[in-house]
Amino acid sequence: MTETICQGFAEALEFRLWPVRNPAGSSGLGWYLRKHGRLTLSLLRAGLSARGSCYFVPDSNGGLWANILEACVMRLLFRQVWLHHHVFSYVRRRDRRMAAILKILGPKARHIALGEAMAEGLRTGYDARSIHVLGNADFVREAPAARPRRRLDTVGFISNITREKGIGLFMEAMRLAQAAPAGPGPTGPDCVIAGPIRDESLKAEIEAFCAESPARRKWVGSVSGASKDAFFDDIDLLLFPSLYPNEALPVTIYEALAAGVPVLATRRGCIPGQLEGLDGCLDDADFAAGAAGRIAAWVADPESFAAASRAATESFNRQRDEDRCSLQDLIAKI
C-alpha cells in the first residue's frame, strides 16, 4: 500500500521516487541495517539533487531509532517534510522517539494522518500542527467487484495470521455462532480462514478448529490476485478482530466493504471512523459473544443483512470519493 500511495503522489506531483524495497521479505538485524543505510543514502541523494519537499513514512517499533538519524538529514536538506503516519502505536501513546523526530524536524514537519482519530492523537501527544487527513480508500486500486449479499451463509477471516491479528477471537466467535440453532444449516454459517501462518503451534490450533467441523470450517492458505477476489466473493461477512497495537486503517476492511461484505471489527486505530455509520465495531472483551449475537440476528433476518451489505458498498464508495477529494487538496498544499 505504501508503494501504491508513493506512485500516486509521484504521478500527480512529478515527484521522483527513491524506493527502498524488500522483495525477499527479509527481517532481522541484517535487513534493518541494510534498509536504513539505503534509506539514509537515498535521502542524501534526493536532498542534494533537489531541495524541495520530502514525503516520508515513519517506521514502527525499533525502526524509529533509525528515523531519528534520518530526520537530521531531512531537516538539513529539505524545505518541507511530509510525514505520512501508517502506525497507530506511537499515536495512541506518546513515544519519545517520535517526539525526538518531530523536535528535530521542527517547523518543517507536515503530517498526513489516516483519520481523525490519528490526527487528534498527534495533536494531543505531540502538539502537532499542519495535519492533513487522508484515508486509503482511493488507493485500493484492485478492490473486489461489489455483489449484494441477500443472506449470511459464510463468515471469513483474512490476514497474515498471528495471535495479535485476532484469530483466537475469530475461532471463539465462530464456535459460538455455529452452536446457535439458527442458520442455513443446523449449526449456523460456514467459515473460511485465509492467509499464511508461520507459528506452528498456532497452525495446529487452526487445523484442530477446522477438524472439529471439516464440512463447515476451512483454512485455504495464502490468497492473492484472483484467489483473493474469489475469497471475498465467497464470503458474506468479514470478522476483523485485530489486537495488533500498530493497526491503523486496514485495507482489508476497505476491500470487504467494496465487495458488499459487512465487517465486524475491534476498535483499533482508525477503524471506528472507517466503519462509521455501519455499527461494525465491538469491544475486545465482548467481541466473540457480540459477533456471534450479530451473526445470529442477521441469519434470522435476511432483509436486515441485505441492507447491511448495501450499506457496506455505499460506505466504501463514499469514503473513496472523500479520499479522492482530500488527495487533490493535499496536492494543492504540497
C-alpha atoms as a PDB file:
ATOM      1  CA  MET A   1       0.000   0.000   0.000  1.00  0.00           C
ATOM      2  CA  THR A   2       2.835   2.451   0.807  1.00  0.00           C
ATOM      3  CA  GLU A   3       4.351   1.903  -2.642  1.00  0.00           C
ATOM      4  CA  THR A   4       0.951   2.414  -4.305  1.00  0.00           C
ATOM      5  CA  ILE A   5       0.497   5.709  -2.459  1.00  0.00           C
ATOM      6  CA  CYS A   6       4.004   6.870  -3.379  1.00  0.00           C
ATOM      7  CA  GLN A   7       3.379   6.065  -7.030  1.00  0.00           C
ATOM      8  CA  GLY A   8       0.156   8.068  -6.883  1.00  0.00           C
ATOM      9  CA  PHE A   9       1.982  11.079  -5.459  1.00  0.00           C
ATOM     10  CA  ALA A  10       4.777  10.723  -7.992  1.00  0.00           C
ATOM     11  CA  GLU A  11       2.306  10.742 -10.882  1.00  0.00           C
ATOM     12  CA  ALA A  12       0.323  13.696  -9.532  1.00  0.00           C
ATOM     13  CA  LEU A  13       3.228  15.878  -8.395  1.00  0.00           C
ATOM     14  CA  GLU A  14       6.082  14.788 -10.641  1.00  0.00           C
ATOM     15  CA  PHE A  15       7.935  13.548  -7.590  1.00  0.00           C
ATOM     16  CA  ARG A  16      10.986  11.419  -8.071  1.00  0.00           C
ATOM     17  CA  LEU A  17      10.799   8.118  -6.208  1.00  0.00           C
ATOM     18  CA  TRP A  18      13.761   6.811  -4.229  1.00  0.00           C
ATOM     19  CA  PRO A  19      12.343   3.421  -3.162  1.00  0.00           C
ATOM     20  CA  VAL A  20      13.888   1.034  -0.650  1.00  0.00           C
ATOM     21  CA  ARG A  21      12.295  -2.353  -1.303  1.00  0.00           C
ATOM     22  CA  ASN A  22      12.394  -5.691   0.449  1.00  0.00           C
ATOM     23  CA  PRO A  23      11.232  -8.170  -2.233  1.00  0.00           C
ATOM     24  CA  ALA A  24      12.646 -11.187  -0.429  1.00  0.00           C
ATOM     25  CA  GLY A  25      10.752 -10.443   2.772  1.00  0.00           C
ATOM     26  CA  SER A  26      13.974 -10.232   4.781  1.00  0.00           C
ATOM     27  CA  SER A  27      13.967  -9.456   8.501  1.00  0.00           C
ATOM     28  CA  GLY A  28      16.347  -9.267  11.439  1.00  0.00           C
ATOM     29  CA  LEU A  29      19.316  -7.047  12.187  1.00  0.00           C
ATOM     30  CA  GLY A  30      20.898  -7.505   8.759  1.00  0.00           C
ATOM     31  CA  TRP A  31      17.831  -6.214   6.945  1.00  0.00           C
ATOM     32  CA  TYR A  32      17.375  -3.403   9.489  1.00  0.00           C
ATOM     33  CA  LEU A  33      20.894  -2.114   8.815  1.00  0.00           C
ATOM     34  CA  ARG A  34      20.613  -2.503   5.026  1.00  0.00           C
ATOM     35  CA  LYS A  35      17.207  -0.845   4.936  1.00  0.00           C
ATOM     36  CA  HIS A  36      18.149   2.228   6.930  1.00  0.00           C
ATOM     37  CA  GLY A  37      21.545   2.506   5.290  1.00  0.00           C
ATOM     38  CA  ARG A  38      19.886   2.599   1.867  1.00  0.00           C
ATOM     39  CA  LEU A  39      17.209   4.957   3.146  1.00  0.00           C
ATOM     40  CA  THR A  40      19.733   7.435   4.530  1.00  0.00           C
ATOM     41  CA  LEU A  41      21.720   7.310   1.287  1.00  0.00           C
ATOM     42  CA  SER A  42      18.545   7.884  -0.745  1.00  0.00           C
ATOM     43  CA  LEU A  43      17.633  10.877   1.403  1.00  0.00           C
ATOM     44  CA  LEU A  44      21.096  12.357   0.897  1.00  0.00           C
ATOM     45  CA  ARG A  45      20.935  11.880  -2.866  1.00  0.00           C
ATOM     46  CA  ALA A  46      17.390  13.241  -3.097  1.00  0.00           C
ATOM     47  CA  GLY A  47      18.083  16.229  -0.870  1.00  0.00           C
ATOM     48  CA  LEU A  48      21.274  17.208  -2.659  1.00  0.00           C
ATOM     49  CA  SER A  49      19.649  16.913  -6.092  1.00  0.00           C
ATOM     50  CA  ALA A  50      16.540  18.976  -5.290  1.00  0.00           C
ATOM     51  CA  ARG A  51      15.946  20.812  -2.025  1.00  0.00           C
ATOM     52  CA  GLY A  52      12.170  20.667  -2.169  1.00  0.00           C
ATOM     53  CA  SER A  53       9.572  18.655  -0.306  1.00  0.00           C
ATOM     54  CA  CYS A  54      10.168  15.168   1.057  1.00  0.00           C
ATOM     55  CA  TYR A  55       7.494  12.509   1.566  1.00  0.00           C
ATOM     56  CA  PHE A  56       8.470  10.049   4.292  1.00  0.00           C
ATOM     57  CA  VAL A  57       6.693   7.188   6.068  1.00  0.00           C
ATOM     58  CA  PRO A  58       7.937   6.792   9.658  1.00  0.00           C
ATOM     59  CA  ASP A  59       8.768   3.299  10.809  1.00  0.00           C
ATOM     60  CA  SER A  60       7.364   1.389  13.757  1.00  0.00           C
ATOM     61  CA  ASN A  61       8.966  -0.076  16.862  1.00  0.00           C
ATOM     62  CA  GLY A  62      12.780  -0.216  16.632  1.00  0.00           C
ATOM     63  CA  GLY A  63      12.821   1.490  13.245  1.00  0.00           C
ATOM     64  CA  LEU A  64      12.022   4.788  14.929  1.00  0.00           C
ATOM     65  CA  TRP A  65      15.557   4.904  16.360  1.00  0.00           C
ATOM     66  CA  ALA A  66      16.969   4.979  12.825  1.00  0.00           C
ATOM     67  CA  ASN A  67      14.324   7.504  11.785  1.00  0.00           C
ATOM     68  CA  ILE A  68      15.887   9.941  14.277  1.00  0.00           C
ATOM     69  CA  LEU A  69      19.108   9.958  12.229  1.00  0.00           C
ATOM     70  CA  GLU A  70      17.116  10.221   9.010  1.00  0.00           C
ATOM     71  CA  ALA A  71      15.213  13.191  10.470  1.00  0.00           C
ATOM     72  CA  CYS A  72      18.535  15.030  10.846  1.00  0.00           C
ATOM     73  CA  VAL A  73      19.221  14.558   7.138  1.00  0.00           C
ATOM     74  CA  MET A  74      15.722  15.697   6.204  1.00  0.00           C
ATOM     75  CA  ARG A  75      15.967  18.800   8.410  1.00  0.00           C
ATOM     76  CA  LEU A  76      19.193  19.833   6.692  1.00  0.00           C
ATOM     77  CA  LEU A  77      18.285  19.091   3.079  1.00  0.00           C
ATOM     78  CA  PHE A  78      14.553  19.671   2.534  1.00  0.00           C
ATOM     79  CA  ARG A  79      12.241  22.666   2.642  1.00  0.00           C
ATOM     80  CA  GLN A  80       9.282  20.639   3.924  1.00  0.00           C
ATOM     81  CA  VAL A  81       8.958  17.099   5.252  1.00  0.00           C
ATOM     82  CA  TRP A  82       5.599  15.374   4.882  1.00  0.00           C
ATOM     83  CA  LEU A  83       5.314  12.512   7.369  1.00  0.00           C
ATOM     84  CA  HIS A  84       2.654  10.002   6.333  1.00  0.00           C
ATOM     85  CA  HIS A  85       1.766   8.125   9.509  1.00  0.00           C
ATOM     86  CA  HIS A  86       0.768   4.477   8.979  1.00  0.00           C
ATOM     87  CA  VAL A  87       1.326   3.257  12.553  1.00  0.00           C
ATOM     88  CA  PHE A  88      -1.001   3.855  15.485  1.00  0.00           C
ATOM     89  CA  SER A  89       1.123   2.663  18.414  1.00  0.00           C
ATOM     90  CA  TYR A  90       3.056   5.938  18.797  1.00  0.00           C
ATOM     91  CA  VAL A  91      -0.167   7.888  18.205  1.00  0.00           C
ATOM     92  CA  ARG A  92      -2.137   6.058  20.881  1.00  0.00           C
ATOM     93  CA  ARG A  93       0.657   6.617  23.413  1.00  0.00           C
ATOM     94  CA  ARG A  94       3.345   9.301  23.241  1.00  0.00           C
ATOM     95  CA  ASP A  95       6.662   7.812  22.135  1.00  0.00           C
ATOM     96  CA  ARG A  96       9.905   9.618  22.995  1.00  0.00           C
ATOM     97  CA  ARG A  97      11.449   8.560  19.676  1.00  0.00           C
ATOM     98  CA  MET A  98       8.677  10.148  17.613  1.00  0.00           C
ATOM     99  CA  ALA A  99       8.864  13.189  19.884  1.00  0.00           C
ATOM    100  CA  ALA A 100      12.592  13.440  19.088  1.00  0.00           C
ATOM    101  CA  ILE A 101      11.941  13.121  15.350  1.00  0.00           C
ATOM    102  CA  LEU A 102       9.411  15.950  15.429  1.00  0.00           C
ATOM    103  CA  LYS A 103      11.677  18.139  17.561  1.00  0.00           C
ATOM    104  CA  ILE A 104      14.487  17.691  15.039  1.00  0.00           C
ATOM    105  CA  LEU A 105      12.240  18.472  12.065  1.00  0.00           C
ATOM    106  CA  GLY A 106      10.781  21.498  13.828  1.00  0.00           C
ATOM    107  CA  PRO A 107       8.637  23.799  11.666  1.00  0.00           C
ATOM    108  CA  LYS A 108       9.461  21.821   8.528  1.00  0.00           C
ATOM    109  CA  ALA A 109       7.255  18.925   9.659  1.00  0.00           C
ATOM    110  CA  ARG A 110       3.903  18.378   7.973  1.00  0.00           C
ATOM    111  CA  HIS A 111       1.634  15.454   8.801  1.00  0.00           C
ATOM    112  CA  ILE A 112      -0.638  13.163   6.801  1.00  0.00           C
ATOM    113  CA  ALA A 113      -2.985  11.249   9.115  1.00  0.00           C
ATOM    114  CA  LEU A 114      -5.131   8.292   8.088  1.00  0.00           C
ATOM    115  CA  GLY A 115      -8.167   9.513  10.016  1.00  0.00           C
ATOM    116  CA  GLU A 116      -9.466  11.997  12.549  1.00  0.00           C
ATOM    117  CA  ALA A 117      -8.551   9.695  15.448  1.00  0.00           C
ATOM    118  CA  MET A 118      -4.932   9.688  14.299  1.00  0.00           C
ATOM    119  CA  ALA A 119      -4.933  13.448  13.754  1.00  0.00           C
ATOM    120  CA  GLU A 120      -6.283  14.026  17.260  1.00  0.00           C
ATOM    121  CA  GLY A 121      -3.658  11.683  18.720  1.00  0.00           C
ATOM    122  CA  LEU A 122      -0.878  13.638  17.002  1.00  0.00           C
ATOM    123  CA  ARG A 123      -2.249  16.921  18.321  1.00  0.00           C
ATOM    124  CA  THR A 124      -2.671  15.617  21.850  1.00  0.00           C
ATOM    125  CA  GLY A 125       0.555  13.631  22.116  1.00  0.00           C
ATOM    126  CA  TYR A 126       2.948  15.865  20.181  1.00  0.00           C
ATOM    127  CA  ASP A 127       1.225  19.237  19.810  1.00  0.00           C
ATOM    128  CA  ALA A 128       1.421  18.605  16.065  1.00  0.00           C
ATOM    129  CA  ARG A 129       0.289  21.239  13.593  1.00  0.00           C
ATOM    130  CA  SER A 130      -0.229  21.231   9.815  1.00  0.00           C
ATOM    131  CA  ILE A 131      -2.132  17.934   9.751  1.00  0.00           C
ATOM    132  CA  HIS A 132      -3.928  16.742   6.626  1.00  0.00           C
ATOM    133  CA  VAL A 133      -6.348  13.808   6.926  1.00  0.00           C
ATOM    134  CA  LEU A 134      -6.213  11.360   4.009  1.00  0.00           C
ATOM    135  CA  GLY A 135      -7.667   7.865   4.123  1.00  0.00           C
ATOM    136  CA  ASN A 136      -6.600   4.952   1.940  1.00  0.00           C
ATOM    137  CA  ALA A 137      -9.870   4.165   0.156  1.00  0.00           C
ATOM    138  CA  ASP A 138      -8.842   5.810  -3.114  1.00  0.00           C
ATOM    139  CA  PHE A 139      -5.600   3.811  -3.150  1.00  0.00           C
ATOM    140  CA  VAL A 140      -7.391   0.439  -3.153  1.00  0.00           C
ATOM    141  CA  ARG A 141      -6.745   0.008  -6.866  1.00  0.00           C
ATOM    142  CA  GLU A 142      -7.804  -3.644  -7.098  1.00  0.00           C
ATOM    143  CA  ALA A 143     -10.950  -3.595  -4.963  1.00  0.00           C
ATOM    144  CA  PRO A 144     -13.195  -6.641  -5.444  1.00  0.00           C
ATOM    145  CA  ALA A 145     -16.329  -6.175  -7.525  1.00  0.00           C
ATOM    146  CA  ALA A 146     -19.417  -5.367  -5.483  1.00  0.00           C
ATOM    147  CA  ARG A 147     -22.040  -8.089  -5.119  1.00  0.00           C
ATOM    148  CA  PRO A 148     -25.116  -7.529  -2.942  1.00  0.00           C
ATOM    149  CA  ARG A 149     -25.474 -10.234  -0.303  1.00  0.00           C
ATOM    150  CA  ARG A 150     -29.005 -11.453   0.364  1.00  0.00           C
ATOM    151  CA  ARG A 151     -28.288 -13.798   3.257  1.00  0.00           C
ATOM    152  CA  LEU A 152     -25.460 -14.740   5.591  1.00  0.00           C
ATOM    153  CA  ASP A 153     -24.060 -18.161   4.677  1.00  0.00           C
ATOM    154  CA  THR A 154     -20.280 -17.785   5.131  1.00  0.00           C
ATOM    155  CA  VAL A 155     -18.092 -15.781   7.523  1.00  0.00           C
ATOM    156  CA  GLY A 156     -14.476 -15.014   6.597  1.00  0.00           C
ATOM    157  CA  PHE A 157     -11.147 -14.075   8.190  1.00  0.00           C
ATOM    158  CA  ILE A 158      -8.140 -12.948   6.128  1.00  0.00           C
ATOM    159  CA  SER A 159      -4.738 -11.766   7.361  1.00  0.00           C
ATOM    160  CA  ASN A 160      -1.125 -12.690   7.860  1.00  0.00           C
ATOM    161  CA  ILE A 161      -2.338 -14.962  10.612  1.00  0.00           C
ATOM    162  CA  THR A 162      -0.957 -14.284  14.086  1.00  0.00           C
ATOM    163  CA  ARG A 163      -2.457 -14.198  17.546  1.00  0.00           C
ATOM    164  CA  GLU A 164      -2.254 -10.393  17.514  1.00  0.00           C
ATOM    165  CA  LYS A 165      -4.416 -10.327  14.395  1.00  0.00           C
ATOM    166  CA  GLY A 166      -7.219 -11.889  16.415  1.00  0.00           C
ATOM    167  CA  ILE A 167      -7.541 -15.388  15.010  1.00  0.00           C
ATOM    168  CA  GLY A 168      -8.332 -16.656  18.517  1.00  0.00           C
ATOM    169  CA  LEU A 169     -11.305 -14.300  18.808  1.00  0.00           C
ATOM    170  CA  PHE A 170     -12.466 -15.359  15.347  1.00  0.00           C
ATOM    171  CA  MET A 171     -12.448 -19.043  16.256  1.00  0.00           C
ATOM    172  CA  GLU A 172     -14.210 -18.341  19.554  1.00  0.00           C
ATOM    173  CA  ALA A 173     -16.884 -16.295  17.784  1.00  0.00           C
ATOM    174  CA  MET A 174     -17.465 -18.990  15.173  1.00  0.00           C
ATOM    175  CA  ARG A 175     -17.748 -21.747  17.759  1.00  0.00           C
ATOM    176  CA  LEU A 176     -20.490 -19.710  19.429  1.00  0.00           C
ATOM    177  CA  ALA A 177     -22.182 -18.825  16.139  1.00  0.00           C
ATOM    178  CA  GLN A 178     -22.166 -22.383  14.830  1.00  0.00           C
ATOM    179  CA  ALA A 179     -23.573 -23.658  18.106  1.00  0.00           C
ATOM    180  CA  ALA A 180     -26.627 -21.419  17.697  1.00  0.00           C
ATOM    181  CA  PRO A 181     -29.791 -23.073  16.403  1.00  0.00           C
ATOM    182  CA  ALA A 182     -30.491 -20.550  13.643  1.00  0.00           C
ATOM    183  CA  GLY A 183     -28.778 -20.674  10.252  1.00  0.00           C
ATOM    184  CA  PRO A 184     -28.861 -22.087   6.724  1.00  0.00           C
ATOM    185  CA  GLY A 185     -27.860 -25.454   8.173  1.00  0.00           C
ATOM    186  CA  PRO A 186     -28.284 -26.985  11.561  1.00  0.00           C
ATOM    187  CA  THR A 187     -25.486 -25.045  13.260  1.00  0.00           C
ATOM    188  CA  GLY A 188     -25.128 -21.554  11.790  1.00  0.00           C
ATOM    189  CA  PRO A 189     -22.991 -20.212   8.926  1.00  0.00           C
ATOM    190  CA  ASP A 190     -19.847 -21.774   7.493  1.00  0.00           C
ATOM    191  CA  CYS A 191     -16.478 -20.077   7.888  1.00  0.00           C
ATOM    192  CA  VAL A 192     -13.271 -19.788   5.875  1.00  0.00           C
ATOM    193  CA  ILE A 193      -9.831 -18.604   7.015  1.00  0.00           C
ATOM    194  CA  ALA A 194      -7.288 -17.216   4.519  1.00  0.00           C
ATOM    195  CA  GLY A 195      -3.677 -16.205   4.989  1.00  0.00           C
ATOM    196  CA  PRO A 196      -0.220 -17.583   5.755  1.00  0.00           C
ATOM    197  CA  ILE A 197       0.740 -18.958   9.188  1.00  0.00           C
ATOM    198  CA  ARG A 198       4.350 -19.067  10.415  1.00  0.00           C
ATOM    199  CA  ASP A 199       3.653 -20.073  14.018  1.00  0.00           C
ATOM    200  CA  GLU A 200       3.492 -23.878  14.024  1.00  0.00           C
ATOM    201  CA  SER A 201       1.610 -24.058  17.325  1.00  0.00           C
ATOM    202  CA  LEU A 202      -0.975 -21.602  16.020  1.00  0.00           C
ATOM    203  CA  LYS A 203      -1.229 -23.573  12.791  1.00  0.00           C
ATOM    204  CA  ALA A 204      -2.003 -26.687  14.835  1.00  0.00           C
ATOM    205  CA  GLU A 205      -4.756 -24.809  16.693  1.00  0.00           C
ATOM    206  CA  ILE A 206      -6.349 -23.700  13.436  1.00  0.00           C
ATOM    207  CA  GLU A 207      -6.147 -27.183  11.961  1.00  0.00           C
ATOM    208  CA  ALA A 208      -7.795 -28.569  15.109  1.00  0.00           C
ATOM    209  CA  PHE A 209     -10.511 -25.910  14.850  1.00  0.00           C
ATOM    210  CA  CYS A 210     -11.225 -26.886  11.243  1.00  0.00           C
ATOM    211  CA  ALA A 211     -11.144 -30.606  12.100  1.00  0.00           C
ATOM    212  CA  GLU A 212     -13.956 -30.102  14.620  1.00  0.00           C
ATOM    213  CA  SER A 213     -16.325 -29.478  11.697  1.00  0.00           C
ATOM    214  CA  PRO A 214     -14.473 -30.073   8.412  1.00  0.00           C
ATOM    215  CA  ALA A 215     -17.531 -29.606   6.237  1.00  0.00           C
ATOM    216  CA  ARG A 216     -18.153 -26.144   7.655  1.00  0.00           C
ATOM    217  CA  ARG A 217     -14.694 -24.782   8.501  1.00  0.00           C
ATOM    218  CA  LYS A 218     -11.663 -24.477   6.254  1.00  0.00           C
ATOM    219  CA  TRP A 219      -8.308 -22.770   6.027  1.00  0.00           C
ATOM    220  CA  VAL A 220      -7.325 -22.040   2.410  1.00  0.00           C
ATOM    221  CA  GLY A 221      -3.800 -20.667   2.982  1.00  0.00           C
ATOM    222  CA  SER A 222      -2.408 -17.572   1.275  1.00  0.00           C
ATOM    223  CA  VAL A 223      -4.567 -15.866  -1.330  1.00  0.00           C
ATOM    224  CA  SER A 224      -3.728 -13.126  -3.829  1.00  0.00           C
ATOM    225  CA  GLY A 225      -4.988 -11.863  -7.157  1.00  0.00           C
ATOM    226  CA  ALA A 226      -7.827 -13.992  -8.500  1.00  0.00           C
ATOM    227  CA  SER A 227      -7.844 -16.265  -5.454  1.00  0.00           C
ATOM    228  CA  LYS A 228      -8.227 -13.243  -3.170  1.00  0.00           C
ATOM    229  CA  ASP A 229     -11.110 -11.960  -5.278  1.00  0.00           C
ATOM    230  CA  ALA A 230     -12.671 -15.419  -5.027  1.00  0.00           C
ATOM    231  CA  PHE A 231     -12.314 -15.318  -1.242  1.00  0.00           C
ATOM    232  CA  PHE A 232     -14.247 -12.059  -0.995  1.00  0.00           C
ATOM    233  CA  ASP A 233     -16.828 -13.341  -3.466  1.00  0.00           C
ATOM    234  CA  ASP A 234     -17.346 -16.496  -1.397  1.00  0.00           C
ATOM    235  CA  ILE A 235     -17.843 -14.840   1.999  1.00  0.00           C
ATOM    236  CA  ASP A 236     -20.793 -12.785   3.195  1.00  0.00           C
ATOM    237  CA  LEU A 237     -19.351 -11.297   6.398  1.00  0.00           C
ATOM    238  CA  LEU A 238     -15.786 -10.448   7.440  1.00  0.00           C
ATOM    239  CA  LEU A 239     -14.631 -10.596  11.047  1.00  0.00           C
ATOM    240  CA  PHE A 240     -11.600  -8.376  11.755  1.00  0.00           C
ATOM    241  CA  PRO A 241     -10.912  -8.846  15.491  1.00  0.00           C
ATOM    242  CA  SER A 242      -7.400  -7.381  15.455  1.00  0.00           C
ATOM    243  CA  LEU A 243      -5.463  -6.904  18.693  1.00  0.00           C
ATOM    244  CA  TYR A 244      -2.392  -5.584  16.820  1.00  0.00           C
ATOM    245  CA  PRO A 245      -1.115  -2.380  18.505  1.00  0.00           C
ATOM    246  CA  ASN A 246       0.057  -0.817  15.218  1.00  0.00           C
ATOM    247  CA  GLU A 247      -3.301  -1.353  13.475  1.00  0.00           C
ATOM    248  CA  ALA A 248      -4.282   1.900  11.795  1.00  0.00           C
ATOM    249  CA  LEU A 249      -6.596   1.819   8.738  1.00  0.00           C
ATOM    250  CA  PRO A 250      -6.717  -1.732   7.328  1.00  0.00           C
ATOM    251  CA  VAL A 251      -7.003  -2.057   3.561  1.00  0.00           C
ATOM    252  CA  THR A 252      -8.670  -5.444   4.109  1.00  0.00           C
ATOM    253  CA  ILE A 253     -11.702  -3.681   5.565  1.00  0.00           C
ATOM    254  CA  TYR A 254     -11.954  -1.432   2.510  1.00  0.00           C
ATOM    255  CA  GLU A 255     -11.732  -4.473   0.239  1.00  0.00           C
ATOM    256  CA  ALA A 256     -14.569  -6.170   2.104  1.00  0.00           C
ATOM    257  CA  LEU A 257     -16.788  -3.086   2.045  1.00  0.00           C
ATOM    258  CA  ALA A 258     -16.142  -2.620  -1.674  1.00  0.00           C
ATOM    259  CA  ALA A 259     -17.318  -6.188  -2.279  1.00  0.00           C
ATOM    260  CA  GLY A 260     -20.537  -5.608  -0.339  1.00  0.00           C
ATOM    261  CA  VAL A 261     -19.298  -7.616   2.654  1.00  0.00           C
ATOM    262  CA  PRO A 262     -20.226  -6.150   6.066  1.00  0.00           C
ATOM    263  CA  VAL A 263     -17.428  -6.068   8.652  1.00  0.00           C
ATOM    264  CA  LEU A 264     -17.376  -6.615  12.410  1.00  0.00           C
ATOM    265  CA  ALA A 265     -14.094  -5.396  13.935  1.00  0.00           C
ATOM    266  CA  THR A 266     -12.389  -4.399  17.161  1.00  0.00           C
ATOM    267  CA  ARG A 267     -11.873  -0.717  17.992  1.00  0.00           C
ATOM    268  CA  ARG A 268      -8.275  -0.348  16.801  1.00  0.00           C
ATOM    269  CA  GLY A 269      -6.656   2.722  15.301  1.00  0.00           C
ATOM    270  CA  CYS A 270      -8.906   4.488  12.802  1.00  0.00           C
ATOM    271  CA  ILE A 271     -11.253   1.514  12.336  1.00  0.00           C
ATOM    272  CA  PRO A 272     -14.177   3.184  14.196  1.00  0.00           C
ATOM    273  CA  GLY A 273     -14.074   6.008  11.637  1.00  0.00           C
ATOM    274  CA  GLN A 274     -13.660   3.533   8.788  1.00  0.00           C
ATOM    275  CA  LEU A 275     -16.854   1.750   9.889  1.00  0.00           C
ATOM    276  CA  GLU A 276     -18.721   4.892  10.922  1.00  0.00           C
ATOM    277  CA  GLY A 277     -22.456   4.528  10.403  1.00  0.00           C
ATOM    278  CA  LEU A 278     -22.224   0.755   9.925  1.00  0.00           C
ATOM    279  CA  ASP A 279     -22.391  -0.302  13.602  1.00  0.00           C
ATOM    280  CA  GLY A 280     -19.449  -2.600  12.957  1.00  0.00           C
ATOM    281  CA  CYS A 281     -17.186  -2.081  15.988  1.00  0.00           C
ATOM    282  CA  LEU A 282     -17.189  -4.295  19.073  1.00  0.00           C
ATOM    283  CA  ASP A 283     -15.145  -4.165  22.285  1.00  0.00           C
ATOM    284  CA  ASP A 284     -12.286  -6.649  22.667  1.00  0.00           C
ATOM    285  CA  ALA A 285     -13.705  -8.326  25.765  1.00  0.00           C
ATOM    286  CA  ASP A 286     -17.133  -8.833  24.212  1.00  0.00           C
ATOM    287  CA  PHE A 287     -16.084  -9.432  20.623  1.00  0.00           C
ATOM    288  CA  ALA A 288     -16.758 -13.170  20.359  1.00  0.00           C
ATOM    289  CA  ALA A 289     -20.158 -13.062  22.042  1.00  0.00           C
ATOM    290  CA  GLY A 290     -21.113  -9.817  20.307  1.00  0.00           C
ATOM    291  CA  ALA A 291     -20.146 -11.100  16.869  1.00  0.00           C
ATOM    292  CA  ALA A 292     -21.972 -14.389  17.436  1.00  0.00           C
ATOM    293  CA  GLY A 293     -25.072 -12.491  18.507  1.00  0.00           C
ATOM    294  CA  ARG A 294     -24.940 -10.236  15.451  1.00  0.00           C
ATOM    295  CA  ILE A 295     -24.459 -13.256  13.187  1.00  0.00           C
ATOM    296  CA  ALA A 296     -27.485 -14.997  14.700  1.00  0.00           C
ATOM    297  CA  ALA A 297     -29.602 -11.862  14.248  1.00  0.00           C
ATOM    298  CA  TRP A 298     -28.592 -11.455  10.611  1.00  0.00           C
ATOM    299  CA  VAL A 299     -29.144 -15.129   9.828  1.00  0.00           C
ATOM    300  CA  ALA A 300     -32.631 -14.853  11.295  1.00  0.00           C
ATOM    301  CA  ASP A 301     -33.377 -11.624   9.388  1.00  0.00           C
ATOM    302  CA  PRO A 302     -32.056 -11.802   5.790  1.00  0.00           C
ATOM    303  CA  GLU A 303     -33.594  -8.432   4.887  1.00  0.00           C
ATOM    304  CA  SER A 304     -31.611  -6.721   7.626  1.00  0.00           C
ATOM    305  CA  PHE A 305     -28.429  -8.420   6.437  1.00  0.00           C
ATOM    306  CA  ALA A 306     -29.095  -7.429   2.811  1.00  0.00           C
ATOM    307  CA  ALA A 307     -29.444  -3.821   3.974  1.00  0.00           C
ATOM    308  CA  ALA A 308     -26.095  -4.096   5.792  1.00  0.00           C
ATOM    309  CA  SER A 309     -24.493  -5.399   2.587  1.00  0.00           C
ATOM    310  CA  ARG A 310     -25.806  -2.456   0.580  1.00  0.00           C
ATOM    311  CA  ALA A 311     -24.643  -0.040   3.258  1.00  0.00           C
ATOM    312  CA  ALA A 312     -21.133  -1.545   3.128  1.00  0.00           C
ATOM    313  CA  THR A 313     -20.739  -0.815  -0.587  1.00  0.00           C
ATOM    314  CA  GLU A 314     -22.226   2.662  -0.218  1.00  0.00           C
ATOM    315  CA  SER A 315     -19.812   3.423   2.616  1.00  0.00           C
ATOM    316  CA  PHE A 316     -16.779   2.378   0.575  1.00  0.00           C
ATOM    317  CA  ASN A 317     -17.886   4.455  -2.418  1.00  0.00           C
ATOM    318  CA  ARG A 318     -18.444   7.488  -0.196  1.00  0.00           C
ATOM    319  CA  GLN A 319     -15.068   7.153   1.536  1.00  0.00           C
ATOM    320  CA  ARG A 320     -13.306   6.628  -1.790  1.00  0.00           C
ATOM    321  CA  ASP A 321     -14.842   9.832  -3.168  1.00  0.00           C
ATOM    322  CA  GLU A 322     -13.946  11.755   0.006  1.00  0.00           C
ATOM    323  CA  ASP A 323     -10.366  10.492  -0.086  1.00  0.00           C
ATOM    324  CA  ARG A 324     -10.069  11.385  -3.754  1.00  0.00           C
ATOM    325  CA  CYS A 325     -11.051  14.977  -2.943  1.00  0.00           C
ATOM    326  CA  SER A 326      -8.709  15.003   0.060  1.00  0.00           C
ATOM    327  CA  LEU A 327      -5.831  13.850  -2.144  1.00  0.00           C
ATOM    328  CA  GLN A 328      -6.435  16.727  -4.541  1.00  0.00           C
ATOM    329  CA  ASP A 329      -6.450  19.157  -1.614  1.00  0.00           C
ATOM    330  CA  LEU A 330      -3.161  17.696  -0.384  1.00  0.00           C
ATOM    331  CA  ILE A 331      -1.586  18.010  -3.815  1.00  0.00           C
ATOM    332  CA  ALA A 332      -2.530  21.681  -3.836  1.00  0.00           C
ATOM    333  CA  LYS A 333      -0.829  22.163  -0.452  1.00  0.00           C
ATOM    334  CA  ILE A 334       2.399  20.434  -1.471  1.00  0.00           C
END
